[in-house]
C-alpha atoms as a PDB file:
ATOM      1  CA  MET A   1      99.638  96.797 108.486  1.00  0.00           C
ATOM      2  CA  HIS A   2     100.966  94.250 106.006  1.00  0.00           C
ATOM      3  CA  VAL A   3     104.477  95.732 106.015  1.00  0.00           C
ATOM      4  CA  LYS A   4     104.505  95.624 109.813  1.00  0.00           C
ATOM      5  CA  GLY A   5     103.285  92.012 109.813  1.00  0.00           C
ATOM      6  CA  GLU A   6     100.075  93.095 111.537  1.00  0.00           C
ATOM      7  CA  LEU A   7      97.496  92.458 108.803  1.00  0.00           C
ATOM      8  CA  PRO A   8      94.632  90.425 110.342  1.00  0.00           C
ATOM      9  CA  GLU A   9      92.365  87.974 108.539  1.00  0.00           C
ATOM     10  CA  PRO A  10      90.980  90.052 105.637  1.00  0.00           C
ATOM     11  CA  ALA A  11      87.677  88.144 105.591  1.00  0.00           C
ATOM     12  CA  SER A  12      87.078  88.493 109.327  1.00  0.00           C
ATOM     13  CA  VAL A  13      84.058  90.435 110.546  1.00  0.00           C
ATOM     14  CA  ASP A  14      86.221  92.677 112.712  1.00  0.00           C
ATOM     15  CA  PHE A  15      88.540  93.638 109.838  1.00  0.00           C
ATOM     16  CA  LEU A  16      85.712  94.327 107.400  1.00  0.00           C
ATOM     17  CA  GLN A  17      83.900  96.522 109.893  1.00  0.00           C
ATOM     18  CA  TRP A  18      87.181  98.325 110.599  1.00  0.00           C
ATOM     19  CA  LEU A  19      87.726  98.894 106.857  1.00  0.00           C
ATOM     20  CA  HIS A  20      84.276 100.394 106.490  1.00  0.00           C
ATOM     21  CA  SER A  21      84.624 102.614 109.547  1.00  0.00           C
ATOM     22  CA  GLU A  22      88.063 103.851 108.428  1.00  0.00           C
ATOM     23  CA  PHE A  23      86.823 104.596 104.925  1.00  0.00           C
ATOM     24  CA  TYR A  24      83.942 106.697 106.233  1.00  0.00           C
ATOM     25  CA  ARG A  25      85.728 108.082 109.296  1.00  0.00           C
ATOM     26  CA  ASP A  26      85.795 111.681 108.058  1.00  0.00           C
ATOM     27  CA  ALA A  27      82.629 111.514 105.975  1.00  0.00           C
ATOM     28  CA  THR A  28      80.179 114.380 106.215  1.00  0.00           C
ATOM     29  CA  ASP A  29      76.585 113.914 107.349  1.00  0.00           C
ATOM     30  CA  GLU A  30      75.547 114.413 103.734  1.00  0.00           C
ATOM     31  CA  MET A  31      77.605 111.377 102.704  1.00  0.00           C
ATOM     32  CA  LEU A  32      76.225 109.278 105.558  1.00  0.00           C
ATOM     33  CA  ASN A  33      72.570 110.136 104.932  1.00  0.00           C
ATOM     34  CA  ILE A  34      71.103 107.316 102.826  1.00  0.00           C
ATOM     35  CA  ASN A  35      67.837 107.408 100.934  1.00  0.00           C
ATOM     36  CA  ASN A  36      66.899 104.011  99.518  1.00  0.00           C
ATOM     37  CA  GLY A  37      63.844 105.336  97.723  1.00  0.00           C
ATOM     38  CA  HIS A  38      61.447 104.314 100.484  1.00  0.00           C
ATOM     39  CA  GLN A  39      63.063 105.516 103.681  1.00  0.00           C
ATOM     40  CA  ALA A  40      65.927 107.784 104.683  1.00  0.00           C
ATOM     41  CA  PHE A  41      68.361 107.064 107.488  1.00  0.00           C
ATOM     42  CA  LYS A  42      71.888 107.906 108.621  1.00  0.00           C
ATOM     43  CA  MET A  43      74.494 105.197 108.118  1.00  0.00           C
ATOM     44  CA  ILE A  44      76.827 104.410 111.025  1.00  0.00           C
ATOM     45  CA  PRO A  45      80.329 103.575 109.688  1.00  0.00           C
ATOM     46  CA  GLY A  46      81.427 100.030 110.467  1.00  0.00           C
ATOM     47  CA  ILE A  47      77.953  98.763 111.376  1.00  0.00           C
ATOM     48  CA  PHE A  48      76.224  96.025 109.362  1.00  0.00           C
ATOM     49  CA  ARG A  49      72.677  96.329 108.094  1.00  0.00           C
ATOM     50  CA  SER A  50      70.293  95.329 110.863  1.00  0.00           C
ATOM     51  CA  LEU A  51      67.049  97.281 110.361  1.00  0.00           C
ATOM     52  CA  LYS A  52      64.274  96.932 107.805  1.00  0.00           C
ATOM     53  CA  GLU A  53      64.992 100.384 106.408  1.00  0.00           C
ATOM     54  CA  HIS A  54      68.530  99.196 105.582  1.00  0.00           C
ATOM     55  CA  ASP A  55      67.231  96.766 102.962  1.00  0.00           C
ATOM     56  CA  VAL A  56      67.963  97.878  99.416  1.00  0.00           C
ATOM     57  CA  ALA A  57      68.014  96.515  95.878  1.00  0.00           C
ATOM     58  CA  VAL A  58      71.301  96.671  93.951  1.00  0.00           C
ATOM     59  CA  GLY A  59      70.285  96.661  90.315  1.00  0.00           C
ATOM     60  CA  ARG A  60      68.489  93.347  89.821  1.00  0.00           C
ATOM     61  CA  HIS A  61      70.064  91.906  92.960  1.00  0.00           C
ATOM     62  CA  LEU A  62      68.112  91.681  96.207  1.00  0.00           C
ATOM     63  CA  PRO A  63      70.622  91.093  99.039  1.00  0.00           C
ATOM     64  CA  PRO A  64      69.656  88.997 102.068  1.00  0.00           C
ATOM     65  CA  GLY A  65      67.340  90.770 104.480  1.00  0.00           C
ATOM     66  CA  SER A  66      68.938  92.876 107.203  1.00  0.00           C
ATOM     67  CA  GLU A  67      67.844  90.398 109.903  1.00  0.00           C
ATOM     68  CA  PHE A  68      70.036  87.707 108.275  1.00  0.00           C
ATOM     69  CA  VAL A  69      73.205  89.758 107.624  1.00  0.00           C
ATOM     70  CA  ALA A  70      74.920  88.890 110.922  1.00  0.00           C
ATOM     71  CA  ASP A  71      74.437  85.150 110.286  1.00  0.00           C
ATOM     72  CA  PHE A  72      75.632  85.449 106.700  1.00  0.00           C
ATOM     73  CA  MET A  73      78.752  87.312 107.815  1.00  0.00           C
ATOM     74  CA  ARG A  74      79.591  84.773 110.518  1.00  0.00           C
ATOM     75  CA  TYR A  75      79.513  82.040 107.895  1.00  0.00           C
ATOM     76  CA  PHE A  76      81.442  84.243 105.445  1.00  0.00           C
ATOM     77  CA  GLU A  77      84.241  84.646 107.999  1.00  0.00           C
ATOM     78  CA  GLN A  78      84.299  80.921 108.711  1.00  0.00           C
ATOM     79  CA  ARG A  79      84.392  80.043 105.013  1.00  0.00           C
ATOM     80  CA  TYR A  80      86.955  82.528 103.707  1.00  0.00           C
ATOM     81  CA  CYS A  81      89.437  83.111 106.522  1.00  0.00           C
ATOM     82  CA  PHE A  82      92.894  81.887 105.524  1.00  0.00           C
ATOM     83  CA  GLY A  83      93.663  79.964 108.702  1.00  0.00           C
ATOM     84  CA  LYS A  84      92.728  76.544 107.282  1.00  0.00           C
ATOM     85  CA  ILE A  85      93.216  77.272 103.573  1.00  0.00           C
ATOM     86  CA  GLY A  86      96.321  76.324 101.584  1.00  0.00           C
ATOM     87  CA  LYS A  87      98.265  78.679  99.335  1.00  0.00           C
ATOM     88  CA  GLY A  88      96.369  77.895  96.146  1.00  0.00           C
ATOM     89  CA  GLY A  89      93.048  77.964  97.964  1.00  0.00           C
ATOM     90  CA  ARG A  90      93.792  81.444  99.274  1.00  0.00           C
ATOM     91  CA  ILE A  91      94.091  82.797  95.750  1.00  0.00           C
ATOM     92  CA  LEU A  92      90.764  81.204  94.803  1.00  0.00           C
ATOM     93  CA  ALA A  93      89.202  82.504  98.024  1.00  0.00           C
ATOM     94  CA  MET A  94      90.297  86.050  97.171  1.00  0.00           C
ATOM     95  CA  ALA A  95      88.182  85.910  94.020  1.00  0.00           C
ATOM     96  CA  ALA A  96      85.194  84.000  95.405  1.00  0.00           C
ATOM     97  CA  ALA A  97      84.992  86.103  98.586  1.00  0.00           C
ATOM     98  CA  HIS A  98      84.902  89.280  96.518  1.00  0.00           C
ATOM     99  CA  HIS A  99      81.617  88.276  94.925  1.00  0.00           C
ATOM    100  CA  ARG A 100      80.150  86.707  98.049  1.00  0.00           C
ATOM    101  CA  LEU A 101      80.731  89.808 100.156  1.00  0.00           C
ATOM    102  CA  ALA A 102      79.081  91.969  97.515  1.00  0.00           C
ATOM    103  CA  PHE A 103      76.181  89.476  97.337  1.00  0.00           C
ATOM    104  CA  ILE A 104      75.593  89.737 101.096  1.00  0.00           C
ATOM    105  CA  HIS A 105      75.860  93.543 100.858  1.00  0.00           C
ATOM    106  CA  PRO A 106      76.466  93.800 104.624  1.00  0.00           C
ATOM    107  CA  PHE A 107      76.626  97.612 104.821  1.00  0.00           C
ATOM    108  CA  PRO A 108      73.963 100.093 103.719  1.00  0.00           C
ATOM    109  CA  ASP A 109      76.527 101.716 101.405  1.00  0.00           C
ATOM    110  CA  GLY A 110      80.218 101.365 100.494  1.00  0.00           C
ATOM    111  CA  ASN A 111      80.185  97.598  99.918  1.00  0.00           C
ATOM    112  CA  GLY A 112      82.013  97.818  96.593  1.00  0.00           C
ATOM    113  CA  ARG A 113      84.817  99.833  98.163  1.00  0.00           C
ATOM    114  CA  VAL A 114      85.129  97.429 101.086  1.00  0.00           C
ATOM    115  CA  SER A 115      85.102  94.433  98.719  1.00  0.00           C
ATOM    116  CA  ARG A 116      87.984  95.861  96.687  1.00  0.00           C
ATOM    117  CA  LEU A 117      89.988  96.754  99.803  1.00  0.00           C
ATOM    118  CA  MET A 118      89.381  93.272 101.191  1.00  0.00           C
ATOM    119  CA  SER A 119      90.552  91.695  97.925  1.00  0.00           C
ATOM    120  CA  HIS A 120      93.697  93.831  98.017  1.00  0.00           C
ATOM    121  CA  ALA A 121      94.361  92.711 101.590  1.00  0.00           C
ATOM    122  CA  MET A 122      93.705  89.073 100.689  1.00  0.00           C
ATOM    123  CA  GLY A 123      96.190  89.319  97.823  1.00  0.00           C
ATOM    124  CA  LEU A 124      98.839  90.639 100.224  1.00  0.00           C
ATOM    125  CA  LYS A 125      98.013  87.947 102.783  1.00  0.00           C
ATOM    126  CA  ALA A 126      98.150  85.249 100.088  1.00  0.00           C
ATOM    127  CA  GLY A 127     101.641  86.366  99.057  1.00  0.00           C
ATOM    128  CA  ILE A 128     100.736  87.626  95.560  1.00  0.00           C
ATOM    129  CA  GLY A 129     100.126  91.307  96.357  1.00  0.00           C
ATOM    130  CA  ALA A 130     103.707  92.370  95.571  1.00  0.00           C
ATOM    131  CA  PHE A 131     103.518  95.013  98.321  1.00  0.00           C
ATOM    132  CA  GLY A 132     100.950  96.981  96.334  1.00  0.00           C
ATOM    133  CA  LEU A 133     102.871  97.129  93.029  1.00  0.00           C
ATOM    134  CA  TRP A 134      99.724  96.039  91.172  1.00  0.00           C
ATOM    135  CA  SER A 135      96.107  96.831  91.904  1.00  0.00           C
ATOM    136  CA  ILE A 136      93.072  94.573  91.627  1.00  0.00           C
ATOM    137  CA  SER A 137      90.875  97.676  91.963  1.00  0.00           C
ATOM    138  CA  ARG A 138      92.326  99.095  88.749  1.00  0.00           C
ATOM    139  CA  GLY A 139      91.818  95.769  87.005  1.00  0.00           C
ATOM    140  CA  LEU A 140      88.182  95.502  88.047  1.00  0.00           C
ATOM    141  CA  ALA A 141      87.561  99.064  86.887  1.00  0.00           C
ATOM    142  CA  HIS A 142      89.102  98.446  83.440  1.00  0.00           C
ATOM    143  CA  GLY A 143      88.129  94.804  82.861  1.00  0.00           C
ATOM    144  CA  LEU A 144      89.781  92.705  80.173  1.00  0.00           C
ATOM    145  CA  THR A 145      87.882  94.099  77.186  1.00  0.00           C
ATOM    146  CA  SER A 146      85.562  96.780  78.592  1.00  0.00           C
ATOM    147  CA  ARG A 147      84.676  98.699  81.745  1.00  0.00           C
ATOM    148  CA  GLN A 148      81.280  96.963  81.792  1.00  0.00           C
ATOM    149  CA  GLU A 149      82.751  93.501  82.385  1.00  0.00           C
ATOM    150  CA  TYR A 150      82.903  93.803  86.164  1.00  0.00           C
ATOM    151  CA  LYS A 151      79.194  94.511  86.580  1.00  0.00           C
ATOM    152  CA  GLN A 152      78.337  91.849  84.003  1.00  0.00           C
ATOM    153  CA  MET A 153      80.431  89.181  85.704  1.00  0.00           C
ATOM    154  CA  MET A 154      79.175  90.110  89.169  1.00  0.00           C
ATOM    155  CA  ASP A 155      75.609  89.847  87.889  1.00  0.00           C
ATOM    156  CA  TYR A 156      76.407  86.512  86.222  1.00  0.00           C
ATOM    157  CA  ALA A 157      77.787  85.152  89.502  1.00  0.00           C
ATOM    158  CA  ASP A 158      74.394  85.944  91.084  1.00  0.00           C
ATOM    159  CA  THR A 159      72.779  83.305  88.852  1.00  0.00           C
ATOM    160  CA  PRO A 160      70.531  80.895  90.807  1.00  0.00           C
ATOM    161  CA  ARG A 161      71.539  77.251  90.957  1.00  0.00           C
ATOM    162  CA  GLN A 162      70.851  75.441  87.665  1.00  0.00           C
ATOM    163  CA  GLY A 163      69.884  71.900  88.610  1.00  0.00           C
ATOM    164  CA  ASP A 164      71.274  69.198  90.897  1.00  0.00           C
ATOM    165  CA  LEU A 165      74.724  69.214  89.287  1.00  0.00           C
ATOM    166  CA  ASP A 166      75.297  72.925  89.823  1.00  0.00           C
ATOM    167  CA  GLY A 167      76.558  73.025  93.405  1.00  0.00           C
ATOM    168  CA  ARG A 168      74.641  72.701  96.666  1.00  0.00           C
ATOM    169  CA  GLY A 169      73.690  76.272  97.588  1.00  0.00           C
ATOM    170  CA  ASN A 170      71.129  78.714  96.254  1.00  0.00           C
ATOM    171  CA  LEU A 171      73.587  80.187  93.730  1.00  0.00           C
ATOM    172  CA  SER A 172      75.155  78.582  90.672  1.00  0.00           C
ATOM    173  CA  GLN A 173      78.556  77.011  91.324  1.00  0.00           C
ATOM    174  CA  LYS A 174      79.273  77.071  87.574  1.00  0.00           C
ATOM    175  CA  SER A 175      78.709  80.836  87.481  1.00  0.00           C
ATOM    176  CA  LEU A 176      80.936  81.421  90.504  1.00  0.00           C
ATOM    177  CA  THR A 177      83.676  79.295  88.885  1.00  0.00           C
ATOM    178  CA  GLU A 178      83.508  81.422  85.738  1.00  0.00           C
ATOM    179  CA  PHE A 179      83.635  84.586  87.831  1.00  0.00           C
ATOM    180  CA  VAL A 180      86.720  83.306  89.707  1.00  0.00           C
ATOM    181  CA  ARG A 181      88.449  82.512  86.407  1.00  0.00           C
ATOM    182  CA  TRP A 182      87.655  85.968  85.077  1.00  0.00           C
ATOM    183  CA  PHE A 183      88.793  87.635  88.310  1.00  0.00           C
ATOM    184  CA  LEU A 184      92.145  85.817  88.241  1.00  0.00           C
ATOM    185  CA  ARG A 185      92.660  86.648  84.561  1.00  0.00           C
ATOM    186  CA  VAL A 186      92.157  90.293  85.512  1.00  0.00           C
ATOM    187  CA  CYS A 187      94.819  89.904  88.224  1.00  0.00           C
ATOM    188  CA  ILE A 188      97.302  88.419  85.749  1.00  0.00           C
ATOM    189  CA  ASP A 189      96.511  91.183  83.276  1.00  0.00           C
ATOM    190  CA  GLN A 190      97.305  93.818  85.897  1.00  0.00           C
ATOM    191  CA  VAL A 191     100.597  92.162  86.839  1.00  0.00           C
ATOM    192  CA  LYS A 192     101.610  92.133  83.168  1.00  0.00           C
ATOM    193  CA  PHE A 193     100.536  95.767  82.806  1.00  0.00           C
ATOM    194  CA  MET A 194     102.772  96.858  85.677  1.00  0.00           C
ATOM    195  CA  VAL A 195     105.723  94.794  84.423  1.00  0.00           C
ATOM    196  CA  GLU A 196     105.426  96.582  81.075  1.00  0.00           C
ATOM    197  CA  LEU A 197     105.339  99.972  82.809  1.00  0.00           C
ATOM    198  CA  PHE A 198     108.450  99.213  84.864  1.00  0.00           C
ATOM    199  CA  GLU A 199     110.335  97.863  81.793  1.00  0.00           C
ATOM    200  CA  PHE A 200     112.725  95.954  84.035  1.00  0.00           C
ATOM    201  CA  GLU A 201     114.741  94.618  81.095  1.00  0.00           C
ATOM    202  CA  GLN A 202     115.834  98.196  80.359  1.00  0.00           C
ATOM    203  CA  LEU A 203     116.497  99.185  83.958  1.00  0.00           C
ATOM    204  CA  ALA A 204     120.248  98.555  83.787  1.00  0.00           C
ATOM    205  CA  GLY A 205     120.674 101.122  81.021  1.00  0.00           C
ATOM    206  CA  ARG A 206     118.579 103.649  82.921  1.00  0.00           C
ATOM    207  CA  LEU A 207     120.628 103.103  86.083  1.00  0.00           C
ATOM    208  CA  ASN A 208     123.729 103.912  84.051  1.00  0.00           C
ATOM    209  CA  ALA A 209     122.057 107.078  82.728  1.00  0.00           C
ATOM    210  CA  TYR A 210     121.132 108.016  86.285  1.00  0.00           C
ATOM    211  CA  THR A 211     124.727 107.817  87.565  1.00  0.00           C
ATOM    212  CA  GLU A 212     125.866 109.956  84.643  1.00  0.00           C
ATOM    213  CA  LYS A 213     123.175 112.549  85.316  1.00  0.00           C
ATOM    214  CA  GLN A 214     124.156 112.659  88.997  1.00  0.00           C
ATOM    215  CA  GLY A 215     127.811 113.190  88.064  1.00  0.00           C
ATOM    216  CA  MET A 216     129.061 109.984  89.696  1.00  0.00           C
ATOM    217  CA  ARG A 217     132.137 107.982  88.773  1.00  0.00           C
ATOM    218  CA  PRO A 218     131.581 105.251  86.130  1.00  0.00           C
ATOM    219  CA  GLU A 219     132.272 102.595  88.763  1.00  0.00           C
ATOM    220  CA  ALA A 220     129.063 103.619  90.554  1.00  0.00           C
ATOM    221  CA  PHE A 221     127.062 101.874  87.835  1.00  0.00           C
ATOM    222  CA  LEU A 222     129.019  98.644  88.397  1.00  0.00           C
ATOM    223  CA  ILE A 223     127.777  98.589  91.999  1.00  0.00           C
ATOM    224  CA  LEU A 224     124.203  99.350  90.939  1.00  0.00           C
ATOM    225  CA  HIS A 225     124.314  96.644  88.279  1.00  0.00           C
ATOM    226  CA  ARG A 226     125.604  94.092  90.775  1.00  0.00           C
ATOM    227  CA  ILE A 227     122.774  94.955  93.174  1.00  0.00           C
ATOM    228  CA  LEU A 228     120.226  94.821  90.349  1.00  0.00           C
ATOM    229  CA  LEU A 229     121.296  91.286  89.430  1.00  0.00           C
ATOM    230  CA  GLN A 230     121.645  89.923  92.974  1.00  0.00           C
ATOM    231  CA  GLY A 231     119.124  91.976  94.968  1.00  0.00           C
ATOM    232  CA  GLU A 232     121.693  93.252  97.462  1.00  0.00           C
ATOM    233  CA  MET A 233     125.448  93.551  97.919  1.00  0.00           C
ATOM    234  CA  PRO A 234     127.625  93.255 101.042  1.00  0.00           C
ATOM    235  CA  ARG A 235     129.500  96.510 101.529  1.00  0.00           C
ATOM    236  CA  GLY A 236     132.837  94.711 101.524  1.00  0.00           C
ATOM    237  CA  GLU A 237     132.354  93.676  97.886  1.00  0.00           C
ATOM    238  CA  ALA A 238     132.532  97.240  96.567  1.00  0.00           C
ATOM    239  CA  GLU A 239     136.284  96.942  95.998  1.00  0.00           C
ATOM    240  CA  ARG A 240     136.009  93.715  93.984  1.00  0.00           C
ATOM    241  CA  VAL A 241     132.991  94.873  91.968  1.00  0.00           C
ATOM    242  CA  THR A 242     134.473  98.233  90.976  1.00  0.00           C
ATOM    243  CA  GLY A 243     138.106  97.145  90.583  1.00  0.00           C
ATOM    244  CA  LEU A 244     139.150 100.186  92.612  1.00  0.00           C
ATOM    245  CA  LYS A 245     141.316 100.299  95.683  1.00  0.00           C
ATOM    246  CA  GLU A 246     139.501  99.938  98.992  1.00  0.00           C
ATOM    247  CA  ARG A 247     139.366 103.635  99.892  1.00  0.00           C
ATOM    248  CA  SER A 248     138.169 104.700  96.435  1.00  0.00           C
ATOM    249  CA  ALA A 249     135.581 101.914  96.310  1.00  0.00           C
ATOM    250  CA  ARG A 250     134.228 102.945  99.699  1.00  0.00           C
ATOM    251  CA  MET A 251     133.925 106.539  98.496  1.00  0.00           C
ATOM    252  CA  VAL A 252     131.946 105.470  95.422  1.00  0.00           C
ATOM    253  CA  LEU A 253     129.599 103.422  97.618  1.00  0.00           C
ATOM    254  CA  ALA A 254     129.284 106.335 100.045  1.00  0.00           C
ATOM    255  CA  ASP A 255     128.279 108.628  97.158  1.00  0.00           C
ATOM    256  CA  LEU A 256     125.518 106.187  96.161  1.00  0.00           C
ATOM    257  CA  ILE A 257     124.233 105.981  99.727  1.00  0.00           C
ATOM    258  CA  GLN A 258     124.305 109.749 100.138  1.00  0.00           C
ATOM    259  CA  ASP A 259     122.403 110.100  96.869  1.00  0.00           C
ATOM    260  CA  GLY A 260     119.729 107.740  98.203  1.00  0.00           C
ATOM    261  CA  ILE A 261     119.729 105.315  95.255  1.00  0.00           C
ATOM    262  CA  VAL A 262     121.056 102.575  97.589  1.00  0.00           C
ATOM    263  CA  ASN A 263     120.797 102.010 101.321  1.00  0.00           C
ATOM    264  CA  SER A 264     120.643  99.273 103.922  1.00  0.00           C
ATOM    265  CA  GLN A 265     118.571  98.217 106.898  1.00  0.00           C
ATOM    266  CA  THR A 266     121.517  98.658 109.282  1.00  0.00           C
ATOM    267  CA  PRO A 267     124.631 100.896 109.152  1.00  0.00           C
ATOM    268  CA  LYS A 268     126.895  97.974 108.215  1.00  0.00           C
ATOM    269  CA  GLY A 269     124.358  95.744 106.472  1.00  0.00           C
ATOM    270  CA  PRO A 270     124.221  94.840 102.769  1.00  0.00           C
ATOM    271  CA  VAL A 271     122.995  97.575 100.441  1.00  0.00           C
ATOM    272  CA  SER A 272     120.026  97.353  98.091  1.00  0.00           C
ATOM    273  CA  LEU A 273     118.328  99.661  95.611  1.00  0.00           C
ATOM    274  CA  ARG A 274     116.049 102.487  96.759  1.00  0.00           C
ATOM    275  CA  PHE A 275     113.829 104.355  94.327  1.00  0.00           C
ATOM    276  CA  SER A 276     113.300 107.927  95.443  1.00  0.00           C
ATOM    277  CA  SER A 277     111.013 110.505  93.871  1.00  0.00           C
ATOM    278  CA  GLN A 278     114.016 112.223  92.259  1.00  0.00           C
ATOM    279  CA  SER A 279     115.039 109.049  90.433  1.00  0.00           C
ATOM    280  CA  LEU A 280     111.652 107.823  89.194  1.00  0.00           C
ATOM    281  CA  ASP A 281     111.480 109.958  86.047  1.00  0.00           C
ATOM    282  CA  ILE A 282     114.740 108.449  84.799  1.00  0.00           C
ATOM    283  CA  LEU A 283     114.391 104.895  86.087  1.00  0.00           C
ATOM    284  CA  PHE A 284     110.687 104.370  85.337  1.00  0.00           C
ATOM    285  CA  PRO A 285     109.692 107.019  82.773  1.00  0.00           C
ATOM    286  CA  ARG A 286     106.338 105.383  81.904  1.00  0.00           C
ATOM    287  CA  LEU A 287     105.192 104.770  85.464  1.00  0.00           C
ATOM    288  CA  PHE A 288     103.549 108.157  85.957  1.00  0.00           C
ATOM    289  CA  SER A 289     102.843 109.176  82.392  1.00  0.00           C
ATOM    290  CA  GLU A 290     100.666 112.185  81.631  1.00  0.00           C
ATOM    291  CA  SER A 291      98.005 109.939  80.092  1.00  0.00           C
END
């Protein structure tokens, strides 16, 4: 949806209910049957809690009663939709909304999954998602120092308000601020982790090794290096970049396109790099390591 430019407001009620229904679309009856320790019922994908039997404790946390969920979610949508929020505010909202949605616990089950998917969508919508090249879900699972951090910080953000200087709601503003800081540090940590896996500073040498392995002319690397530095290259520049005559330069470029390592949006448009499954082991050897 994001690639097509069709991603709706991630914090909207409609989108969150759609996420939940899609996640559980093919779930078996066994997965949908919920037993909260007092009563058993069958969860309907995409539907908020609305009945007394839907109420449940999550560890020490007691979410708002089912009769209040619809009101909480209307306010949640109003507060965290990006329409009236600036760029910096959207990044903060991504972190704050993650906790607040989990606090409301709008669905009988699957709230953690929906929260992480929403955060991923908010990152894309805020312009920092890098088309999925890094994952907030992985970061929350690993934490900064331990896998227990996520639950600890979520619990800390549930802290009741501590006096008149600690925000205006029922929950502590200071605790939410600390959670947001931690959440964003996790995001930065994941971006750094992926940069280290890609090892971009060594990509030029690996592109050269790739052309040699594929049996291409040495001038093929000159084209790849030019694209690597500039992002894309007009087809007409192949002659100047390679130092070959026009016909030979066109043949080298044609070999790269046929290989799949470069391509363009249109038949005559500028070419850019494409990373196919056959090239990943050479170009990004650490990306899918055995460990």
